[in-house]
Full PDB file with SEQRES, HELIX, SHEET, SSBOND, CRYST1, ORIGX, SCALE, CONECT and MASTER records, all heavy atoms in Angstrom:
SEQRES   1 A   37  LYS LEU ALA TYR ALA PRO ASP ALA SER VAL TRP HIS SER          
SEQRES   2 A   37  HIS GLU ARG PRO VAL ALA TYR GLU PHE GLN ARG THR TYR          
SEQRES   3 A   37  LEU VAL HIS ARG ARG LEU GLN ALA LEU PHE GLY                  
HELIX    1 AA1 VAL A   18  PHE A   36  1                                  19    
CRYST1    1.000    1.000    1.000  90.00  90.00  90.00 P 1           1          
ORIGX1      1.000000  0.000000  0.000000        0.00000                         
ORIGX2      0.000000  1.000000  0.000000        0.00000                         
ORIGX3      0.000000  0.000000  1.000000        0.00000                         
SCALE1      1.000000  0.000000  0.000000        0.00000                         
SCALE2      0.000000  1.000000  0.000000        0.00000                         
SCALE3      0.000000  0.000000  1.000000        0.00000                         
ATOM      1  N   LYS A   1     -51.478  11.553 -20.742  1.00  0.00           N  
ATOM      2  CA  LYS A   1     -52.198  11.239 -21.970  1.00  0.00           C  
ATOM      3  C   LYS A   1     -52.368   9.727 -22.092  1.00  0.00           C  
ATOM      4  O   LYS A   1     -51.635   8.950 -21.470  1.00  0.00           O  
ATOM      5  CB  LYS A   1     -51.425  11.742 -23.197  1.00  0.00           C  
ATOM      6  CG  LYS A   1     -51.109  13.226 -23.205  1.00  0.00           C  
ATOM      7  CD  LYS A   1     -50.234  13.567 -24.409  1.00  0.00           C  
ATOM      8  CE  LYS A   1     -49.785  15.014 -24.398  1.00  0.00           C  
ATOM      9  NZ  LYS A   1     -48.861  15.310 -25.543  1.00  0.00           N  
ATOM     10  N   LEU A   2     -53.313   9.321 -22.941  1.00  0.00           N  
ATOM     11  CA  LEU A   2     -53.507   7.918 -23.289  1.00  0.00           C  
ATOM     12  C   LEU A   2     -53.581   7.789 -24.803  1.00  0.00           C  
ATOM     13  O   LEU A   2     -54.115   8.666 -25.490  1.00  0.00           O  
ATOM     14  CB  LEU A   2     -54.798   7.378 -22.669  1.00  0.00           C  
ATOM     15  CG  LEU A   2     -54.825   7.282 -21.144  1.00  0.00           C  
ATOM     16  CD1 LEU A   2     -56.218   6.916 -20.669  1.00  0.00           C  
ATOM     17  CD2 LEU A   2     -53.801   6.270 -20.649  1.00  0.00           C  
ATOM     18  N   ALA A   3     -53.051   6.684 -25.324  1.00  0.00           N  
ATOM     19  CA  ALA A   3     -52.989   6.480 -26.769  1.00  0.00           C  
ATOM     20  C   ALA A   3     -53.690   5.193 -27.161  1.00  0.00           C  
ATOM     21  O   ALA A   3     -53.654   4.197 -26.414  1.00  0.00           O  
ATOM     22  CB  ALA A   3     -51.526   6.439 -27.238  1.00  0.00           C  
ATOM     23  N   TYR A   4     -54.306   5.225 -28.319  1.00  0.00           N  
ATOM     24  CA  TYR A   4     -54.862   4.022 -28.937  1.00  0.00           C  
ATOM     25  C   TYR A   4     -53.992   3.684 -30.133  1.00  0.00           C  
ATOM     26  O   TYR A   4     -53.763   4.530 -31.001  1.00  0.00           O  
ATOM     27  CB  TYR A   4     -56.307   4.257 -29.364  1.00  0.00           C  
ATOM     28  CG  TYR A   4     -56.895   3.168 -30.225  1.00  0.00           C  
ATOM     29  CD1 TYR A   4     -56.910   1.842 -29.800  1.00  0.00           C  
ATOM     30  CD2 TYR A   4     -57.444   3.465 -31.468  1.00  0.00           C  
ATOM     31  CE1 TYR A   4     -57.451   0.840 -30.595  1.00  0.00           C  
ATOM     32  CE2 TYR A   4     -57.995   2.474 -32.262  1.00  0.00           C  
ATOM     33  CZ  TYR A   4     -58.001   1.167 -31.828  1.00  0.00           C  
ATOM     34  OH  TYR A   4     -58.533   0.172 -32.623  1.00  0.00           O  
ATOM     35  N   ALA A   5     -53.485   2.451 -30.183  1.00  0.00           N  
ATOM     36  CA  ALA A   5     -52.520   2.034 -31.202  1.00  0.00           C  
ATOM     37  C   ALA A   5     -53.113   0.907 -32.045  1.00  0.00           C  
ATOM     38  O   ALA A   5     -52.891  -0.277 -31.752  1.00  0.00           O  
ATOM     39  CB  ALA A   5     -51.220   1.587 -30.544  1.00  0.00           C  
ATOM     40  N   PRO A   6     -53.874   1.223 -33.088  1.00  0.00           N  
ATOM     41  CA  PRO A   6     -54.551   0.174 -33.862  1.00  0.00           C  
ATOM     42  C   PRO A   6     -53.610  -0.732 -34.639  1.00  0.00           C  
ATOM     43  O   PRO A   6     -53.995  -1.847 -35.007  1.00  0.00           O  
ATOM     44  CB  PRO A   6     -55.460   0.968 -34.805  1.00  0.00           C  
ATOM     45  CG  PRO A   6     -54.822   2.318 -34.915  1.00  0.00           C  
ATOM     46  CD  PRO A   6     -54.206   2.573 -33.586  1.00  0.00           C  
ATOM     47  N   ASP A   7     -52.375  -0.290 -34.891  1.00  0.00           N  
ATOM     48  CA  ASP A   7     -51.420  -1.168 -35.578  1.00  0.00           C  
ATOM     49  C   ASP A   7     -50.953  -2.310 -34.678  1.00  0.00           C  
ATOM     50  O   ASP A   7     -50.366  -3.286 -35.163  1.00  0.00           O  
ATOM     51  CB  ASP A   7     -50.213  -0.362 -36.059  1.00  0.00           C  
ATOM     52  CG  ASP A   7     -50.569   0.578 -37.202  1.00  0.00           C  
ATOM     53  OD1 ASP A   7     -51.604   0.340 -37.863  1.00  0.00           O  
ATOM     54  OD2 ASP A   7     -49.826   1.547 -37.429  1.00  0.00           O  
ATOM     55  N   ALA A   8     -51.211  -2.186 -33.395  1.00  0.00           N  
ATOM     56  CA  ALA A   8     -50.905  -3.265 -32.453  1.00  0.00           C  
ATOM     57  C   ALA A   8     -52.182  -4.082 -32.263  1.00  0.00           C  
ATOM     58  O   ALA A   8     -52.928  -3.883 -31.309  1.00  0.00           O  
ATOM     59  CB  ALA A   8     -50.433  -2.685 -31.121  1.00  0.00           C  
ATOM     60  N   SER A   9     -52.428  -5.002 -33.182  1.00  0.00           N  
ATOM     61  CA  SER A   9     -53.694  -5.742 -33.184  1.00  0.00           C  
ATOM     62  C   SER A   9     -53.563  -7.088 -32.479  1.00  0.00           C  
ATOM     63  O   SER A   9     -52.514  -7.733 -32.532  1.00  0.00           O  
ATOM     64  CB  SER A   9     -54.166  -5.987 -34.623  1.00  0.00           C  
ATOM     65  OG  SER A   9     -54.424  -4.765 -35.277  1.00  0.00           O  
ATOM     66  N   VAL A  10     -54.670  -7.494 -31.850  1.00  0.00           N  
ATOM     67  CA  VAL A  10     -54.770  -8.845 -31.299  1.00  0.00           C  
ATOM     68  C   VAL A  10     -56.072  -9.470 -31.786  1.00  0.00           C  
ATOM     69  O   VAL A  10     -57.051  -8.780 -32.062  1.00  0.00           O  
ATOM     70  CB  VAL A  10     -54.744  -8.851 -29.746  1.00  0.00           C  
ATOM     71  CG1 VAL A  10     -53.398  -8.379 -29.233  1.00  0.00           C  
ATOM     72  CG2 VAL A  10     -55.869  -8.009 -29.163  1.00  0.00           C  
ATOM     73  N   TRP A  11     -56.037 -10.804 -31.907  1.00  0.00           N  
ATOM     74  CA  TRP A  11     -57.255 -11.551 -32.197  1.00  0.00           C  
ATOM     75  C   TRP A  11     -57.920 -11.863 -30.866  1.00  0.00           C  
ATOM     76  O   TRP A  11     -57.361 -12.575 -30.030  1.00  0.00           O  
ATOM     77  CB  TRP A  11     -56.935 -12.850 -32.938  1.00  0.00           C  
ATOM     78  CG  TRP A  11     -56.194 -12.669 -34.231  1.00  0.00           C  
ATOM     79  CD1 TRP A  11     -54.878 -12.936 -34.474  1.00  0.00           C  
ATOM     80  CD2 TRP A  11     -56.730 -12.180 -35.466  1.00  0.00           C  
ATOM     81  NE1 TRP A  11     -54.555 -12.649 -35.774  1.00  0.00           N  
ATOM     82  CE2 TRP A  11     -55.679 -12.176 -36.409  1.00  0.00           C  
ATOM     83  CE3 TRP A  11     -58.006 -11.748 -35.862  1.00  0.00           C  
ATOM     84  CZ2 TRP A  11     -55.863 -11.760 -37.719  1.00  0.00           C  
ATOM     85  CZ3 TRP A  11     -58.182 -11.326 -37.171  1.00  0.00           C  
ATOM     86  CH2 TRP A  11     -57.119 -11.339 -38.083  1.00  0.00           C  
ATOM     87  N   HIS A  12     -59.132 -11.340 -30.663  1.00  0.00           N  
ATOM     88  CA  HIS A  12     -59.774 -11.555 -29.369  1.00  0.00           C  
ATOM     89  C   HIS A  12     -61.271 -11.319 -29.457  1.00  0.00           C  
ATOM     90  O   HIS A  12     -61.720 -10.217 -29.781  1.00  0.00           O  
ATOM     91  CB  HIS A  12     -59.194 -10.619 -28.305  1.00  0.00           C  
ATOM     92  CG  HIS A  12     -59.821 -10.790 -26.953  1.00  0.00           C  
ATOM     93  ND1 HIS A  12     -60.799  -9.944 -26.470  1.00  0.00           N  
ATOM     94  CD2 HIS A  12     -59.619 -11.722 -25.986  1.00  0.00           C  
ATOM     95  CE1 HIS A  12     -61.162 -10.342 -25.268  1.00  0.00           C  
ATOM     96  NE2 HIS A  12     -60.465 -11.412 -24.949  1.00  0.00           N  
ATOM     97  N   SER A  13     -62.046 -12.348 -29.184  1.00  0.00           N  
ATOM     98  CA  SER A  13     -63.496 -12.240 -29.053  1.00  0.00           C  
ATOM     99  C   SER A  13     -64.003 -13.509 -28.393  1.00  0.00           C  
ATOM    100  O   SER A  13     -63.255 -14.483 -28.234  1.00  0.00           O  
ATOM    101  CB  SER A  13     -64.174 -12.028 -30.417  1.00  0.00           C  
ATOM    102  OG  SER A  13     -63.920 -13.121 -31.289  1.00  0.00           O  
ATOM    103  N   HIS A  14     -65.269 -13.498 -27.994  1.00  0.00           N  
ATOM    104  CA  HIS A  14     -65.830 -14.627 -27.252  1.00  0.00           C  
ATOM    105  C   HIS A  14     -67.223 -14.969 -27.765  1.00  0.00           C  
ATOM    106  O   HIS A  14     -67.956 -14.099 -28.242  1.00  0.00           O  
ATOM    107  CB  HIS A  14     -65.942 -14.292 -25.762  1.00  0.00           C  
ATOM    108  CG  HIS A  14     -64.635 -14.095 -25.080  1.00  0.00           C  
ATOM    109  ND1 HIS A  14     -63.852 -15.145 -24.657  1.00  0.00           N  
ATOM    110  CD2 HIS A  14     -63.963 -12.970 -24.751  1.00  0.00           C  
ATOM    111  CE1 HIS A  14     -62.749 -14.672 -24.084  1.00  0.00           C  
ATOM    112  NE2 HIS A  14     -62.792 -13.360 -24.128  1.00  0.00           N  
ATOM    113  N   GLU A  15     -67.586 -16.241 -27.625  1.00  0.00           N  
ATOM    114  CA  GLU A  15     -68.959 -16.706 -27.844  1.00  0.00           C  
ATOM    115  C   GLU A  15     -69.431 -17.296 -26.514  1.00  0.00           C  
ATOM    116  O   GLU A  15     -69.457 -18.501 -26.319  1.00  0.00           O  
ATOM    117  CB  GLU A  15     -69.010 -17.756 -28.966  1.00  0.00           C  
ATOM    118  CG  GLU A  15     -68.358 -17.333 -30.263  1.00  0.00           C  
ATOM    119  CD  GLU A  15     -69.116 -16.234 -30.983  1.00  0.00           C  
ATOM    120  OE1 GLU A  15     -70.350 -16.134 -30.796  1.00  0.00           O  
ATOM    121  OE2 GLU A  15     -68.468 -15.471 -31.730  1.00  0.00           O  
ATOM    122  N   ARG A  16     -69.768 -16.429 -25.584  1.00  0.00           N  
ATOM    123  CA  ARG A  16     -70.072 -16.856 -24.223  1.00  0.00           C  
ATOM    124  C   ARG A  16     -71.552 -17.215 -24.058  1.00  0.00           C  
ATOM    125  O   ARG A  16     -72.402 -16.748 -24.816  1.00  0.00           O  
ATOM    126  CB  ARG A  16     -69.732 -15.734 -23.245  1.00  0.00           C  
ATOM    127  CG  ARG A  16     -68.242 -15.351 -23.207  1.00  0.00           C  
ATOM    128  CD  ARG A  16     -68.085 -14.192 -22.259  1.00  0.00           C  
ATOM    129  NE  ARG A  16     -66.701 -13.831 -22.021  1.00  0.00           N  
ATOM    130  CZ  ARG A  16     -66.204 -12.608 -22.223  1.00  0.00           C  
ATOM    131  NH1 ARG A  16     -66.984 -11.644 -22.692  1.00  0.00           N  
ATOM    132  NH2 ARG A  16     -64.940 -12.344 -21.968  1.00  0.00           N  
ATOM    133  N   PRO A  17     -71.859 -17.996 -23.017  1.00  0.00           N  
ATOM    134  CA  PRO A  17     -73.263 -18.282 -22.714  1.00  0.00           C  
ATOM    135  C   PRO A  17     -74.045 -17.007 -22.421  1.00  0.00           C  
ATOM    136  O   PRO A  17     -73.491 -16.015 -21.929  1.00  0.00           O  
ATOM    137  CB  PRO A  17     -73.180 -19.178 -21.473  1.00  0.00           C  
ATOM    138  CG  PRO A  17     -71.813 -19.768 -21.510  1.00  0.00           C  
ATOM    139  CD  PRO A  17     -70.930 -18.725 -22.124  1.00  0.00           C  
ATOM    140  N   VAL A  18     -75.335 -17.039 -22.692  1.00  0.00           N  
ATOM    141  CA  VAL A  18     -76.182 -15.866 -22.496  1.00  0.00           C  
ATOM    142  C   VAL A  18     -76.167 -15.419 -21.038  1.00  0.00           C  
ATOM    143  O   VAL A  18     -76.093 -14.215 -20.744  1.00  0.00           O  
ATOM    144  CB  VAL A  18     -77.620 -16.161 -22.970  1.00  0.00           C  
ATOM    145  CG1 VAL A  18     -78.558 -15.003 -22.616  1.00  0.00           C  
ATOM    146  CG2 VAL A  18     -77.645 -16.418 -24.475  1.00  0.00           C  
ATOM    147  N   ALA A  19     -76.220 -16.372 -20.104  1.00  0.00           N  
ATOM    148  CA  ALA A  19     -76.233 -16.016 -18.683  1.00  0.00           C  
ATOM    149  C   ALA A  19     -74.957 -15.273 -18.288  1.00  0.00           C  
ATOM    150  O   ALA A  19     -74.998 -14.308 -17.506  1.00  0.00           O  
ATOM    151  CB  ALA A  19     -76.399 -17.268 -17.824  1.00  0.00           C  
ATOM    152  N   TYR A  20     -73.819 -15.706 -18.820  1.00  0.00           N  
ATOM    153  CA  TYR A  20     -72.549 -15.025 -18.535  1.00  0.00           C  
ATOM    154  C   TYR A  20     -72.582 -13.600 -19.082  1.00  0.00           C  
ATOM    155  O   TYR A  20     -72.177 -12.647 -18.402  1.00  0.00           O  
ATOM    156  CB  TYR A  20     -71.400 -15.814 -19.145  1.00  0.00           C  
ATOM    157  CG  TYR A  20     -70.020 -15.234 -18.868  1.00  0.00           C  
ATOM    158  CD1 TYR A  20     -69.210 -15.765 -17.865  1.00  0.00           C  
ATOM    159  CD2 TYR A  20     -69.532 -14.152 -19.595  1.00  0.00           C  
ATOM    160  CE1 TYR A  20     -67.947 -15.238 -17.612  1.00  0.00           C  
ATOM    161  CE2 TYR A  20     -68.285 -13.613 -19.341  1.00  0.00           C  
ATOM    162  CZ  TYR A  20     -67.497 -14.162 -18.345  1.00  0.00           C  
ATOM    163  OH  TYR A  20     -66.257 -13.617 -18.097  1.00  0.00           O  
ATOM    164  N   GLU A  21     -73.037 -13.442 -20.321  1.00  0.00           N  
ATOM    165  CA  GLU A  21     -73.079 -12.117 -20.934  1.00  0.00           C  
ATOM    166  C   GLU A  21     -74.009 -11.191 -20.161  1.00  0.00           C  
ATOM    167  O   GLU A  21     -73.742  -9.995 -20.025  1.00  0.00           O  
ATOM    168  CB  GLU A  21     -73.513 -12.223 -22.389  1.00  0.00           C  
ATOM    169  CG  GLU A  21     -72.495 -12.896 -23.305  1.00  0.00           C  
ATOM    170  CD  GLU A  21     -71.272 -12.036 -23.570  1.00  0.00           C  
ATOM    171  OE1 GLU A  21     -71.128 -10.957 -22.957  1.00  0.00           O  
ATOM    172  OE2 GLU A  21     -70.434 -12.455 -24.385  1.00  0.00           O  
ATOM    173  N   PHE A  22     -75.111 -11.739 -19.649  1.00  0.00           N  
ATOM    174  CA  PHE A  22     -76.022 -10.931 -18.847  1.00  0.00           C  
ATOM    175  C   PHE A  22     -75.327 -10.432 -17.582  1.00  0.00           C  
ATOM    176  O   PHE A  22     -75.393  -9.241 -17.245  1.00  0.00           O  
ATOM    177  CB  PHE A  22     -77.259 -11.757 -18.495  1.00  0.00           C  
ATOM    178  CG  PHE A  22     -78.139 -11.111 -17.461  1.00  0.00           C  
ATOM    179  CD1 PHE A  22     -78.825  -9.941 -17.734  1.00  0.00           C  
ATOM    180  CD2 PHE A  22     -78.274 -11.674 -16.193  1.00  0.00           C  
ATOM    181  CE1 PHE A  22     -79.636  -9.334 -16.771  1.00  0.00           C  
ATOM    182  CE2 PHE A  22     -79.070 -11.088 -15.234  1.00  0.00           C  
ATOM    183  CZ  PHE A  22     -79.757  -9.914 -15.526  1.00  0.00           C  
ATOM    184  N   GLN A  23     -74.656 -11.329 -16.874  1.00  0.00           N  
ATOM    185  CA  GLN A  23     -73.967 -10.934 -15.651  1.00  0.00           C  
ATOM    186  C   GLN A  23     -72.867  -9.913 -15.935  1.00  0.00           C  
ATOM    187  O   GLN A  23     -72.717  -8.928 -15.195  1.00  0.00           O  
ATOM    188  CB  GLN A  23     -73.371 -12.163 -14.971  1.00  0.00           C  
ATOM    189  CG  GLN A  23     -74.375 -13.120 -14.396  1.00  0.00           C  
ATOM    190  CD  GLN A  23     -73.714 -14.265 -13.646  1.00  0.00           C  
ATOM    191  OE1 GLN A  23     -72.735 -14.070 -12.933  1.00  0.00           O  
ATOM    192  NE2 GLN A  23     -74.234 -15.460 -13.822  1.00  0.00           N  
ATOM    193  N   ARG A  24     -72.106 -10.157 -16.993  1.00  0.00           N  
ATOM    194  CA  ARG A  24     -71.025  -9.232 -17.328  1.00  0.00           C  
ATOM    195  C   ARG A  24     -71.569  -7.848 -17.677  1.00  0.00           C  
ATOM    196  O   ARG A  24     -71.037  -6.829 -17.245  1.00  0.00           O  
ATOM    197  CB  ARG A  24     -70.206  -9.796 -18.489  1.00  0.00           C  
ATOM    198  CG  ARG A  24     -69.030  -8.906 -18.886  1.00  0.00           C  
ATOM    199  CD  ARG A  24     -68.214  -9.514 -20.007  1.00  0.00           C  
ATOM    200  NE  ARG A  24     -67.157  -8.610 -20.422  1.00  0.00           N  
ATOM    201  CZ  ARG A  24     -65.984  -8.478 -19.816  1.00  0.00           C  
ATOM    202  NH1 ARG A  24     -65.712  -9.218 -18.760  1.00  0.00           N  
ATOM    203  NH2 ARG A  24     -65.078  -7.628 -20.263  1.00  0.00           N  
ATOM    204  N   THR A  25     -72.621  -7.811 -18.469  1.00  0.00           N  
ATOM    205  CA  THR A  25     -73.226  -6.533 -18.853  1.00  0.00           C  
ATOM    206  C   THR A  25     -73.740  -5.793 -17.625  1.00  0.00           C  
ATOM    207  O   THR A  25     -73.568  -4.573 -17.493  1.00  0.00           O  
ATOM    208  CB  THR A  25     -74.364  -6.772 -19.854  1.00  0.00           C  
ATOM    209  OG1 THR A  25     -73.830  -7.418 -21.009  1.00  0.00           O  
ATOM    210  CG2 THR A  25     -75.012  -5.460 -20.269  1.00  0.00           C  
ATOM    211  N   TYR A  26     -74.362  -6.525 -16.726  1.00  0.00           N  
ATOM    212  CA  TYR A  26     -74.851  -5.933 -15.482  1.00  0.00           C  
ATOM    213  C   TYR A  26     -73.709  -5.288 -14.701  1.00  0.00           C  
ATOM    214  O   TYR A  26     -73.800  -4.122 -14.265  1.00  0.00           O  
ATOM    215  CB  TYR A  26     -75.531  -7.022 -14.655  1.00  0.00           C  
ATOM    216  CG  TYR A  26     -75.891  -6.633 -13.243  1.00  0.00           C  
ATOM    217  CD1 TYR A  26     -77.052  -5.913 -12.969  1.00  0.00           C  
ATOM    218  CD2 TYR A  26     -75.076  -7.007 -12.172  1.00  0.00           C  
ATOM    219  CE1 TYR A  26     -77.390  -5.578 -11.664  1.00  0.00           C  
ATOM    220  CE2 TYR A  26     -75.406  -6.676 -10.867  1.00  0.00           C  
ATOM    221  CZ  TYR A  26     -76.564  -5.964 -10.619  1.00  0.00           C  
ATOM    222  OH  TYR A  26     -76.888  -5.627  -9.328  1.00  0.00           O  
ATOM    223  N   LEU A  27     -72.607  -6.019 -14.526  1.00  0.00           N  
ATOM    224  CA  LEU A  27     -71.479  -5.491 -13.764  1.00  0.00           C  
ATOM    225  C   LEU A  27     -70.844  -4.288 -14.457  1.00  0.00           C  
ATOM    226  O   LEU A  27     -70.507  -3.286 -13.816  1.00  0.00           O  
ATOM    227  CB  LEU A  27     -70.431  -6.580 -13.560  1.00  0.00           C  
ATOM    228  CG  LEU A  27     -70.792  -7.705 -12.590  1.00  0.00           C  
ATOM    229  CD1 LEU A  27     -69.727  -8.788 -12.611  1.00  0.00           C  
ATOM    230  CD2 LEU A  27     -70.968  -7.169 -11.179  1.00  0.00           C  
ATOM    231  N   VAL A  28     -70.657  -4.382 -15.781  1.00  0.00           N  
ATOM    232  CA  VAL A  28     -70.046  -3.275 -16.519  1.00  0.00           C  
ATOM    233  C   VAL A  28     -70.887  -2.013 -16.392  1.00  0.00           C  
ATOM    234  O   VAL A  28     -70.366  -0.921 -16.112  1.00  0.00           O  
ATOM    235  CB  VAL A  28     -69.854  -3.654 -17.995  1.00  0.00           C  
ATOM    236  CG1 VAL A  28     -69.524  -2.415 -18.832  1.00  0.00           C  
ATOM    237  CG2 VAL A  28     -68.744  -4.685 -18.152  1.00  0.00           C  
ATOM    238  N   HIS A  29     -72.188  -2.132 -16.556  1.00  0.00           N  
ATOM    239  CA  HIS A  29     -73.030  -0.936 -16.554  1.00  0.00           C  
ATOM    240  C   HIS A  29     -73.275  -0.407 -15.147  1.00  0.00           C  
ATOM    241  O   HIS A  29     -73.559   0.784 -14.984  1.00  0.00           O  
ATOM    242  CB  HIS A  29     -74.323  -1.207 -17.319  1.00  0.00           C  
ATOM    243  CG  HIS A  29     -74.092  -1.194 -18.796  1.00  0.00           C  
ATOM    244  ND1 HIS A  29     -74.320  -0.081 -19.580  1.00  0.00           N  
ATOM    245  CD2 HIS A  29     -73.593  -2.138 -19.626  1.00  0.00           C  
ATOM    246  CE1 HIS A  29     -73.994  -0.348 -20.822  1.00  0.00           C  
ATOM    247  NE2 HIS A  29     -73.537  -1.582 -20.884  1.00  0.00           N  
ATOM    248  N   ARG A  30     -73.125  -1.258 -14.153  1.00  0.00           N  
ATOM    249  CA  ARG A  30     -73.114  -0.738 -12.786  1.00  0.00           C  
ATOM    250  C   ARG A  30     -71.905   0.153 -12.583  1.00  0.00           C  
ATOM    251  O   ARG A  30     -71.988   1.230 -11.968  1.00  0.00           O  
ATOM    252  CB  ARG A  30     -73.099  -1.905 -11.793  1.00  0.00           C  
ATOM    253  CG  ARG A  30     -73.277  -1.466 -10.339  1.00  0.00           C  
ATOM    254  CD  ARG A  30     -73.515  -2.649  -9.428  1.00  0.00           C  
ATOM    255  NE  ARG A  30     -72.356  -3.517  -9.327  1.00  0.00           N  
ATOM    256  CZ  ARG A  30     -72.337  -4.644  -8.613  1.00  0.00           C  
ATOM    257  NH1 ARG A  30     -73.440  -5.043  -7.975  1.00  0.00           N  
ATOM    258  NH2 ARG A  30     -71.251  -5.387  -8.556  1.00  0.00           N  
ATOM    259  N   ARG A  31     -70.768  -0.265 -13.136  1.00  0.00           N  
ATOM    260  CA  ARG A  31     -69.546   0.542 -13.017  1.00  0.00           C  
ATOM    261  C   ARG A  31     -69.596   1.795 -13.884  1.00  0.00           C  
ATOM    262  O   ARG A  31     -69.100   2.848 -13.489  1.00  0.00           O  
ATOM    263  CB  ARG A  31     -68.347  -0.321 -13.406  1.00  0.00           C  
ATOM    264  CG  ARG A  31     -68.075  -1.456 -12.451  1.00  0.00           C  
ATOM    265  CD  ARG A  31     -67.417  -0.966 -11.180  1.00  0.00           C  
ATOM    266  NE  ARG A  31     -66.038  -0.576 -11.458  1.00  0.00           N  
ATOM    267  CZ  ARG A  31     -65.383   0.399 -10.817  1.00  0.00           C  
ATOM    268  NH1 ARG A  31     -65.994   1.102  -9.892  1.00  0.00           N  
ATOM    269  NH2 ARG A  31     -64.125   0.661 -11.120  1.00  0.00           N  
ATOM    270  N   LEU A  32     -70.185   1.709 -15.080  1.00  0.00           N  
ATOM    271  CA  LEU A  32     -70.271   2.888 -15.945  1.00  0.00           C  
ATOM    272  C   LEU A  32     -71.112   3.985 -15.288  1.00  0.00           C  
ATOM    273  O   LEU A  32     -70.804   5.178 -15.411  1.00  0.00           O  
ATOM    274  CB  LEU A  32     -70.858   2.515 -17.303  1.00  0.00           C  
ATOM    275  CG  LEU A  32     -70.018   1.593 -18.182  1.00  0.00           C  
ATOM    276  CD1 LEU A  32     -70.694   1.382 -19.541  1.00  0.00           C  
ATOM    277  CD2 LEU A  32     -68.597   2.128 -18.371  1.00  0.00           C  
ATOM    278  N   GLN A  33     -72.171   3.587 -14.604  1.00  0.00           N  
ATOM    279  CA  GLN A  33     -72.971   4.568 -13.874  1.00  0.00           C  
ATOM    280  C   GLN A  33     -72.158   5.186 -12.739  1.00  0.00           C  
ATOM    281  O   GLN A  33     -72.168   6.401 -12.531  1.00  0.00           O  
ATOM    282  CB  GLN A  33     -74.235   3.905 -13.332  1.00  0.00           C  
ATOM    283  CG  GLN A  33     -75.068   4.779 -12.412  1.00  0.00           C  
ATOM    284  CD  GLN A  33     -75.695   5.955 -13.120  1.00  0.00           C  
ATOM    285  OE1 GLN A  33     -76.191   5.828 -14.235  1.00  0.00           O  
ATOM    286  NE2 GLN A  33     -75.677   7.122 -12.487  1.00  0.00           N  
ATOM    287  N   ALA A  34     -71.426   4.345 -12.006  1.00  0.00           N  
ATOM    288  CA  ALA A  34     -70.657   4.841 -10.868  1.00  0.00           C  
ATOM    289  C   ALA A  34     -69.499   5.734 -11.304  1.00  0.00           C  
ATOM    290  O   ALA A  34     -69.217   6.759 -10.668  1.00  0.00           O  
ATOM    291  CB  ALA A  34     -70.131   3.663 -10.048  1.00  0.00           C  
ATOM    292  N   LEU A  35     -68.823   5.360 -12.387  1.00  0.00           N  
ATOM    293  CA  LEU A  35     -67.641   6.101 -12.824  1.00  0.00           C  
ATOM    294  C   LEU A  35     -67.987   7.370 -13.594  1.00  0.00           C  
ATOM    295  O   LEU A  35     -67.358   8.419 -13.400  1.00  0.00           O  
ATOM    296  CB  LEU A  35     -66.756   5.208 -13.701  1.00  0.00           C  
ATOM    297  CG  LEU A  35     -66.002   4.071 -13.019  1.00  0.00           C  
ATOM    298  CD1 LEU A  35     -65.348   3.169 -14.058  1.00  0.00           C  
ATOM    299  CD2 LEU A  35     -64.955   4.617 -12.055  1.00  0.00           C  
ATOM    300  N   PHE A  36     -68.954   7.266 -14.495  1.00  0.00           N  
ATOM    301  CA  PHE A  36     -69.197   8.354 -15.439  1.00  0.00           C  
ATOM    302  C   PHE A  36     -70.604   8.940 -15.370  1.00  0.00           C  
ATOM    303  O   PHE A  36     -70.914   9.879 -16.089  1.00  0.00           O  
ATOM    304  CB  PHE A  36     -68.952   7.860 -16.876  1.00  0.00           C  
ATOM    305  CG  PHE A  36     -67.616   7.212 -17.068  1.00  0.00           C  
ATOM    306  CD1 PHE A  36     -67.508   5.878 -17.426  1.00  0.00           C  
ATOM    307  CD2 PHE A  36     -66.442   7.928 -16.879  1.00  0.00           C  
ATOM    308  CE1 PHE A  36     -66.272   5.277 -17.608  1.00  0.00           C  
ATOM    309  CE2 PHE A  36     -65.202   7.346 -17.053  1.00  0.00           C  
ATOM    310  CZ  PHE A  36     -65.115   6.008 -17.412  1.00  0.00           C  
ATOM    311  N   GLY A  37     -71.466   8.366 -14.532  1.00  0.00           N  
ATOM    312  CA  GLY A  37     -72.854   8.803 -14.504  1.00  0.00           C  
ATOM    313  C   GLY A  37     -73.625   8.375 -15.734  1.00  0.00           C  
ATOM    314  O   GLY A  37     -74.639   8.984 -16.086  1.00  0.00           O  
TER     315      GLY A  37                                                      
MASTER        0    0    0    1    0    0    0    6  314    1    0    3          
END                                                                             
């Protein structure tokens, strides 16, 4: 099993350059297609 524990919170977010976000999105969605179709 896997659990999500929202009471264990962290402060985390980014204001990244557009080019970085584009590359990251590309890589993530390449993997989402490969892993889950």
